[in-house]
Amino acid sequence: MTQPTVVISLDLELSWGTFDRCVNDNLLRMARWTHDVGAPNLLNHLTRNGLSATWAVVGALMRSSLPDVSSLPEVKYRHFPKPWFSYVPRDGDESTHPEWFGASVVRMIRHANPRQEIGFHSFSHVPFGSPGMTRERAVAEYRLCVETAKKLGFATTSFVFPRNLVAYVRELREAGFTCFRDADELLVGSANSKLGSLYMVWADVLGLSPRMAEPSLKEGLVAIPGSLMVRYEAGWRKYIPDSSRLRRLRKGLERVRRNGGVFHVWFHPENLYAEWPRLENVVACFLEQLGVLVRRGDVRCLTMGQLADEFLSKLGVKQPCNSIQPLTEPVYRACATTKTELRAPANKSISRAERADA
């Protein structure tokens, strides 16, 4: 069991996050607000409480304008039959289209104190786990992420799949990444995605205690499951009481403080945008309480990359698992074997239910 640890990962998307579902004035206003107000405010909430987070940023918005993407293999989704970059202003830049480009926002995050981690949320927010995606496009997306990181001068460590649809993990490892955010750990397991989503909605409404997570090794990469997603206030979600949202976050803090493990909270900075600043108030209160616990030494607040490095060091395979070269089978088996020995007593398997009660 990991010592009491809180991880915060943030999916920074601007207009890239939902343009394939709907492009309208509200989306552009939300993206512009996130660029100008939302991301700076959230960064301030983190830094004034002495907290670091993993900012999983769409690679294209890290640029001041769109690079040449003509060589990218096209994707063909049933819900979006157009070419993927149809709505992106090809000749625009951050000064004219801050709804799409945010190089200055990324610079601001990188220069913050305490230090924040810049991860990737793909290059162009294509859903990796949806029909219509190809391995060739996945590899090309990873390549563009690596090129962007080299251009800006930071490491490719953490990756968050768009819409949390995990796919092409082996290719992600071969591109040189160390870890990714895995699907959320649920108190009630469900193989049916719709039932799982319904459970998460009712968990928010009722303020149920979230489940703690533990990192594991999947295809040579450190997988860090989510514990709780802070949902957007728009539409029917605005009927989720703020008190219930905050109750879940507080219960998560208390549970990780008492029992250990990883409380992995994630959301989109765009989600703080609403007609009333309700959700930002909830998040600000949570971060203040987390800051108090960190200063008292009750819990740690780590980035995804920091947690992954610690996990790999325990396995004794830090360099091979962090290498751009694929893991050899003997090393991979050694990783998996060591992970099992760390997490379970000999000759005894631990069920999901038993781990939930641990």
Protein backbone atom coordinates (compact mmCIF):
# COMPACT_ATOMS: atom_id res chain seq x y z
CA MET A 1 0.00 0.00 0.00
CA THR A 2 1.37 3.40 -1.02
CA GLN A 3 1.76 5.87 1.84
CA PRO A 4 -1.05 8.50 1.91
CA THR A 5 -0.75 10.28 -1.44
CA VAL A 6 -2.95 12.68 -3.39
CA VAL A 7 -2.44 13.07 -7.15
CA ILE A 8 -4.19 15.79 -9.16
CA SER A 9 -4.29 15.53 -12.96
CA LEU A 10 -5.84 18.23 -15.11
CA ASP A 11 -6.94 17.79 -18.73
CA LEU A 12 -6.26 21.16 -20.38
CA GLU A 13 -8.01 21.19 -23.76
CA LEU A 14 -9.45 24.62 -24.69
CA SER A 15 -11.56 24.00 -27.84
CA TRP A 16 -9.83 20.72 -28.67
CA GLY A 17 -11.78 18.74 -26.09
CA THR A 18 -15.26 18.70 -27.63
CA PHE A 19 -15.12 20.29 -31.08
CA ASP A 20 -15.88 16.89 -32.64
CA ARG A 21 -19.18 16.80 -30.75
CA CYS A 22 -20.31 20.39 -31.08
CA VAL A 23 -18.73 23.64 -32.22
CA ASN A 24 -20.67 26.72 -31.16
CA ASP A 25 -20.20 30.10 -29.53
CA ASN A 26 -20.48 28.63 -26.04
CA LEU A 27 -17.58 26.25 -26.65
CA LEU A 28 -15.41 29.10 -27.93
CA ARG A 29 -16.39 31.34 -24.99
CA MET A 30 -15.54 28.57 -22.54
CA ALA A 31 -12.18 27.95 -24.21
CA ARG A 32 -11.37 31.67 -24.28
CA TRP A 33 -12.33 31.99 -20.59
CA THR A 34 -10.10 29.01 -19.73
CA HIS A 35 -7.18 30.59 -21.57
CA ASP A 36 -7.62 34.04 -20.04
CA VAL A 37 -9.09 33.33 -16.59
CA GLY A 38 -9.74 29.69 -15.72
CA ALA A 39 -6.26 28.16 -16.04
CA PRO A 40 -4.52 31.13 -14.33
CA ASN A 41 -7.05 31.03 -11.46
CA LEU A 42 -6.64 27.29 -11.00
CA LEU A 43 -2.86 27.60 -11.06
CA ASN A 44 -3.11 30.28 -8.37
CA HIS A 45 -5.27 28.01 -6.19
CA LEU A 46 -2.60 25.31 -6.47
CA THR A 47 0.48 27.43 -5.88
CA ARG A 48 -0.86 29.44 -2.94
CA ASN A 49 -1.55 26.12 -1.20
CA GLY A 50 1.89 24.77 -2.07
CA LEU A 51 0.56 22.01 -4.34
CA SER A 52 1.83 20.48 -7.58
CA ALA A 53 -0.36 18.90 -10.24
CA THR A 54 0.03 17.12 -13.55
CA TRP A 55 -1.32 19.34 -16.33
CA ALA A 56 -2.13 16.99 -19.20
CA VAL A 57 -2.17 19.41 -22.12
CA VAL A 58 -3.25 18.81 -25.72
CA GLY A 59 0.01 19.05 -27.64
CA ALA A 60 -1.32 21.27 -30.42
CA LEU A 61 -2.41 23.97 -27.98
CA MET A 62 1.12 24.11 -26.53
CA ARG A 63 2.09 25.73 -29.81
CA SER A 64 1.45 29.35 -30.72
CA SER A 65 0.00 28.13 -34.02
CA LEU A 66 -0.74 24.83 -35.77
CA PRO A 67 2.34 23.08 -37.19
CA ASP A 68 2.31 21.12 -40.42
CA VAL A 69 -0.06 18.19 -39.88
CA SER A 70 -0.46 17.17 -43.51
CA SER A 71 1.41 13.91 -42.96
CA LEU A 72 -0.86 12.77 -40.10
CA PRO A 73 -2.91 9.68 -41.03
CA GLU A 74 -6.59 10.65 -41.08
CA VAL A 75 -9.11 9.23 -38.62
CA LYS A 76 -12.66 8.26 -39.57
CA TYR A 77 -15.12 8.41 -36.70
CA ARG A 78 -18.81 7.70 -37.13
CA HIS A 79 -19.71 10.72 -34.98
CA PHE A 80 -17.30 13.04 -36.84
CA PRO A 81 -16.87 12.07 -40.53
CA LYS A 82 -15.00 15.29 -41.45
CA PRO A 83 -11.21 15.66 -41.58
CA TRP A 84 -10.04 16.03 -37.98
CA PHE A 85 -8.60 19.54 -38.34
CA SER A 86 -11.60 20.95 -40.25
CA TYR A 87 -12.47 23.53 -37.57
CA VAL A 88 -8.96 24.46 -36.52
CA PRO A 89 -7.81 27.88 -37.84
CA ARG A 90 -4.84 26.87 -39.99
CA ASP A 91 -3.46 30.42 -40.29
CA GLY A 92 -4.44 31.49 -36.77
CA ASP A 93 -2.19 31.88 -33.75
CA GLU A 94 -2.60 32.51 -30.04
CA SER A 95 -3.08 36.24 -30.49
CA THR A 96 -6.04 35.76 -32.84
CA HIS A 97 -7.41 32.39 -31.63
CA PRO A 98 -6.65 31.81 -27.93
CA GLU A 99 -9.56 29.35 -27.95
CA TRP A 100 -7.24 26.91 -29.75
CA PHE A 101 -3.68 27.89 -28.87
CA GLY A 102 -2.15 28.53 -25.45
CA ALA A 103 1.65 28.61 -25.59
CA SER A 104 1.74 31.45 -23.06
CA VAL A 105 -0.50 29.50 -20.66
CA VAL A 106 1.88 26.53 -20.80
CA ARG A 107 4.85 28.84 -20.13
CA MET A 108 3.02 30.28 -17.12
CA ILE A 109 2.38 26.79 -15.74
CA ARG A 110 5.98 25.70 -16.29
CA HIS A 111 7.35 28.73 -14.42
CA ALA A 112 5.05 28.28 -11.41
CA ASN A 113 6.28 27.58 -7.89
CA PRO A 114 5.93 24.89 -6.61
CA ARG A 115 6.81 23.17 -9.83
CA GLN A 116 3.98 21.76 -11.93
CA GLU A 117 4.29 18.80 -14.29
CA ILE A 118 3.45 19.20 -17.97
CA GLY A 119 2.06 15.98 -19.41
CA PHE A 120 0.33 15.23 -22.69
CA HIS A 121 -3.34 14.77 -23.48
CA SER A 122 -2.45 13.47 -26.96
CA PHE A 123 -1.53 15.92 -29.72
CA SER A 124 -4.96 16.68 -31.20
CA HIS A 125 -7.45 15.00 -28.80
CA VAL A 126 -8.40 12.12 -31.07
CA PRO A 127 -10.22 9.43 -29.04
CA PHE A 128 -7.71 6.57 -29.05
CA GLY A 129 -10.13 3.88 -27.94
CA SER A 130 -12.92 4.62 -30.43
CA PRO A 131 -13.62 2.81 -33.72
CA GLY A 132 -12.05 4.82 -36.50
CA MET A 133 -8.72 5.31 -34.74
CA THR A 134 -5.70 3.54 -36.21
CA ARG A 135 -2.35 2.43 -34.87
CA GLU A 136 -0.64 4.61 -37.47
CA ARG A 137 -2.41 7.72 -36.19
CA ALA A 138 -1.65 6.78 -32.57
CA VAL A 139 2.07 6.44 -33.33
CA ALA A 140 2.03 9.74 -35.24
CA GLU A 141 0.28 11.48 -32.31
CA TYR A 142 2.92 10.18 -29.92
CA ARG A 143 5.67 11.31 -32.28
CA LEU A 144 4.28 14.84 -32.44
CA CYS A 145 4.03 14.93 -28.64
CA VAL A 146 7.69 13.93 -28.36
CA GLU A 147 8.72 16.55 -30.94
CA THR A 148 6.72 19.21 -29.10
CA ALA A 149 8.34 18.30 -25.77
CA LYS A 150 11.82 18.46 -27.30
CA LYS A 151 11.02 21.81 -28.87
CA LEU A 152 9.83 23.24 -25.56
CA GLY A 153 12.50 21.54 -23.47
CA PHE A 154 10.74 19.14 -21.10
CA ALA A 155 10.48 15.37 -20.67
CA THR A 156 7.75 13.10 -22.01
CA THR A 157 6.70 11.38 -18.80
CA SER A 158 2.93 11.42 -18.20
CA PHE A 159 0.11 10.81 -20.66
CA VAL A 160 -3.67 11.09 -20.32
CA PHE A 161 -5.80 9.52 -23.03
CA PRO A 162 -8.62 11.69 -24.42
CA ARG A 163 -11.91 10.79 -22.72
CA ASN A 164 -9.93 8.27 -20.67
CA LEU A 165 -10.20 5.74 -23.52
CA VAL A 166 -6.97 3.80 -23.07
CA ALA A 167 -5.49 2.17 -26.17
CA TYR A 168 -2.12 1.63 -27.91
CA VAL A 169 -0.27 1.45 -24.61
CA ARG A 170 2.68 -0.51 -25.98
CA GLU A 171 3.22 2.16 -28.63
CA LEU A 172 3.07 4.83 -25.92
CA ARG A 173 5.84 3.05 -24.03
CA GLU A 174 7.93 2.76 -27.18
CA ALA A 175 7.57 6.53 -27.67
CA GLY A 176 9.35 7.05 -24.34
CA PHE A 177 6.57 7.87 -21.88
CA THR A 178 6.66 6.54 -18.31
CA CYS A 179 3.06 6.52 -17.07
CA PHE A 180 -0.58 7.11 -18.00
CA ARG A 181 -3.86 7.69 -16.22
CA ASP A 182 -5.91 4.53 -16.20
CA ALA A 183 -9.69 4.18 -15.90
CA ASP A 184 -11.22 5.20 -12.59
CA GLU A 185 -11.36 2.75 -9.71
CA LEU A 186 -15.04 2.25 -8.79
CA LEU A 187 -16.38 1.02 -5.47
CA VAL A 188 -18.86 -1.05 -7.49
CA GLY A 189 -17.22 -2.76 -10.44
CA SER A 190 -19.13 -2.89 -13.71
CA ALA A 191 -18.16 -4.25 -17.10
CA ASN A 192 -20.93 -2.14 -18.62
CA SER A 193 -19.72 1.41 -19.30
CA LYS A 194 -23.24 2.88 -19.09
CA LEU A 195 -23.88 1.28 -15.70
CA GLY A 196 -20.48 2.49 -14.54
CA SER A 197 -21.31 6.04 -15.64
CA LEU A 198 -24.67 5.86 -13.91
CA TYR A 199 -23.00 4.71 -10.70
CA MET A 200 -20.54 7.63 -10.84
CA VAL A 201 -23.40 10.11 -11.25
CA TRP A 202 -25.24 8.75 -8.21
CA ALA A 203 -21.99 8.64 -6.25
CA ASP A 204 -21.67 12.39 -6.90
CA VAL A 205 -25.28 13.10 -5.96
CA LEU A 206 -25.08 11.07 -2.74
CA GLY A 207 -21.57 12.18 -1.84
CA LEU A 208 -20.20 8.63 -1.60
CA SER A 209 -16.64 8.01 -0.50
CA PRO A 210 -14.35 7.44 -3.51
CA ARG A 211 -12.06 4.46 -3.83
CA MET A 212 -8.32 4.76 -3.39
CA ALA A 213 -6.06 3.58 -6.21
CA GLU A 214 -2.67 1.93 -6.51
CA PRO A 215 -0.20 2.20 -9.40
CA SER A 216 0.52 -0.94 -11.38
CA LEU A 217 2.55 -1.96 -14.39
CA LYS A 218 0.75 -2.42 -17.72
CA GLU A 219 2.74 -3.28 -20.84
CA GLY A 220 5.83 -1.70 -19.28
CA LEU A 221 4.17 1.57 -18.29
CA VAL A 222 2.99 2.70 -14.87
CA ALA A 223 -0.81 2.84 -14.85
CA ILE A 224 -2.28 5.26 -12.30
CA PRO A 225 -6.07 4.83 -12.03
CA GLY A 226 -8.30 7.76 -11.25
CA SER A 227 -10.32 7.92 -8.03
CA LEU A 228 -12.72 10.80 -8.62
CA MET A 229 -13.58 13.08 -11.51
CA VAL A 230 -14.95 16.52 -10.60
CA ARG A 231 -17.79 16.89 -13.10
CA TYR A 232 -18.85 19.95 -15.09
CA GLU A 233 -21.71 22.13 -13.80
CA ALA A 234 -23.52 22.48 -17.14
CA GLY A 235 -26.75 20.74 -18.16
CA TRP A 236 -28.14 18.17 -15.75
CA ARG A 237 -24.86 18.17 -13.83
CA LYS A 238 -25.74 21.53 -12.30
CA TYR A 239 -28.26 19.69 -10.14
CA ILE A 240 -25.48 17.82 -8.32
CA PRO A 241 -25.33 19.67 -4.97
CA ASP A 242 -22.07 21.48 -4.27
CA SER A 243 -22.21 20.04 -0.75
CA SER A 244 -22.24 16.50 -2.21
CA ARG A 245 -19.26 17.24 -4.45
CA LEU A 246 -17.27 18.65 -1.57
CA ARG A 247 -18.36 15.80 0.72
CA ARG A 248 -16.88 13.26 -1.72
CA LEU A 249 -13.61 15.16 -1.90
CA ARG A 250 -13.41 15.44 1.89
CA LYS A 251 -14.20 11.76 2.34
CA GLY A 252 -11.43 10.94 -0.12
CA LEU A 253 -8.95 13.04 1.85
CA GLU A 254 -9.97 11.42 5.12
CA ARG A 255 -9.82 7.93 3.65
CA VAL A 256 -6.37 8.35 2.16
CA ARG A 257 -5.12 9.99 5.36
CA ARG A 258 -6.32 7.08 7.49
CA ASN A 259 -5.71 4.09 5.21
CA GLY A 260 -3.04 5.13 2.73
CA GLY A 261 -3.10 4.54 -1.01
CA VAL A 262 -3.50 7.06 -3.80
CA PHE A 263 -6.42 9.49 -4.01
CA HIS A 264 -6.27 10.54 -7.67
CA VAL A 265 -8.53 13.53 -8.39
CA TRP A 266 -8.91 14.73 -11.96
CA PHE A 267 -10.94 17.23 -13.94
CA HIS A 268 -10.76 19.73 -16.78
CA PRO A 269 -9.86 23.38 -16.08
CA GLU A 270 -12.61 24.15 -18.60
CA ASN A 271 -15.05 22.52 -16.16
CA LEU A 272 -14.71 25.47 -13.80
CA TYR A 273 -16.47 27.62 -16.39
CA ALA A 274 -20.12 28.18 -15.55
CA GLU A 275 -22.66 30.96 -15.23
CA TRP A 276 -21.94 30.94 -11.49
CA PRO A 277 -18.50 30.14 -10.03
CA ARG A 278 -19.85 27.23 -8.01
CA LEU A 279 -17.41 24.54 -9.11
CA GLU A 280 -14.36 26.76 -8.71
CA ASN A 281 -15.42 27.41 -5.12
CA VAL A 282 -15.67 23.66 -4.48
CA VAL A 283 -12.24 23.02 -5.99
CA ALA A 284 -10.68 25.96 -4.12
CA CYS A 285 -12.03 24.66 -0.81
CA PHE A 286 -10.70 21.16 -1.54
CA LEU A 287 -7.24 22.48 -2.41
CA GLU A 288 -7.12 24.58 0.76
CA GLN A 289 -7.94 21.54 2.89
CA LEU A 290 -5.41 19.43 1.00
CA GLY A 291 -2.77 22.11 1.53
CA VAL A 292 -3.35 21.99 5.30
CA LEU A 293 -2.95 18.20 5.35
CA VAL A 294 0.25 18.39 3.28
CA ARG A 295 1.78 21.03 5.56
CA ARG A 296 0.91 18.92 8.61
CA GLY A 297 2.59 15.92 7.00
CA ASP A 298 -0.61 13.83 6.99
CA VAL A 299 -0.53 13.24 3.21
CA ARG A 300 1.72 13.88 0.24
CA CYS A 301 0.74 15.59 -3.00
CA LEU A 302 2.68 14.14 -5.94
CA THR A 303 2.48 14.52 -9.69
CA MET A 304 1.83 11.46 -11.84
CA GLY A 305 5.47 11.47 -12.89
CA GLN A 306 6.74 11.61 -9.31
CA LEU A 307 4.50 8.72 -8.26
CA ALA A 308 5.58 6.68 -11.31
CA ASP A 309 9.28 7.27 -10.60
CA GLU A 310 8.78 6.17 -6.99
CA PHE A 311 6.89 3.06 -8.07
CA LEU A 312 9.53 2.10 -10.62
CA SER A 313 12.33 2.62 -8.11
CA LYS A 314 10.59 0.14 -5.80
CA LEU A 315 10.54 -2.37 -8.64
CA GLY A 316 14.26 -1.84 -9.22
CA VAL A 317 13.77 -1.38 -12.97
CA LYS A 318 13.67 2.41 -13.25
CA GLN A 319 15.91 2.81 -16.26
CA PRO A 320 14.50 -0.01 -18.47
CA CYS A 321 10.90 1.02 -17.77
CA ASN A 322 11.72 4.64 -18.54
CA SER A 323 13.57 3.87 -21.76
CA ILE A 324 12.42 4.66 -25.26
CA GLN A 325 13.42 1.10 -26.20
CA PRO A 326 10.79 -1.59 -25.61
CA LEU A 327 11.19 -3.74 -22.49
CA THR A 328 12.65 -7.16 -23.17
CA GLU A 329 10.43 -10.02 -22.06
CA PRO A 330 12.73 -11.07 -19.15
CA VAL A 331 12.79 -7.50 -17.78
CA TYR A 332 9.04 -7.15 -18.32
CA ARG A 333 8.38 -10.39 -16.42
CA ALA A 334 10.71 -9.19 -13.65
CA CYS A 335 8.72 -5.96 -13.39
CA ALA A 336 5.45 -7.83 -13.16
CA THR A 337 6.80 -10.35 -10.65
CA THR A 338 8.26 -7.66 -8.40
CA LYS A 339 5.00 -5.71 -8.59
CA THR A 340 3.05 -8.77 -7.46
CA GLU A 341 5.42 -9.36 -4.56
CA LEU A 342 5.05 -5.76 -3.45
CA ARG A 343 1.26 -5.77 -3.54
CA ALA A 344 0.23 -9.25 -2.36
CA PRO A 345 1.39 -11.81 0.23
CA ALA A 346 2.87 -15.02 -1.12
CA ASN A 347 0.38 -17.68 -2.26
CA LYS A 348 -2.57 -15.37 -1.84
CA SER A 349 -4.42 -13.35 -4.45
CA ILE A 350 -6.20 -10.16 -3.46
CA SER A 351 -9.62 -9.55 -4.93
CA ARG A 352 -10.89 -6.10 -6.01
CA ALA A 353 -13.35 -6.19 -3.10
CA GLU A 354 -10.61 -6.99 -0.57
CA ARG A 355 -8.43 -4.17 -1.89
CA ALA A 356 -11.37 -1.77 -1.67
CA ASP A 357 -11.73 -2.54 2.02
CA ALA A 358 -8.00 -2.35 2.73
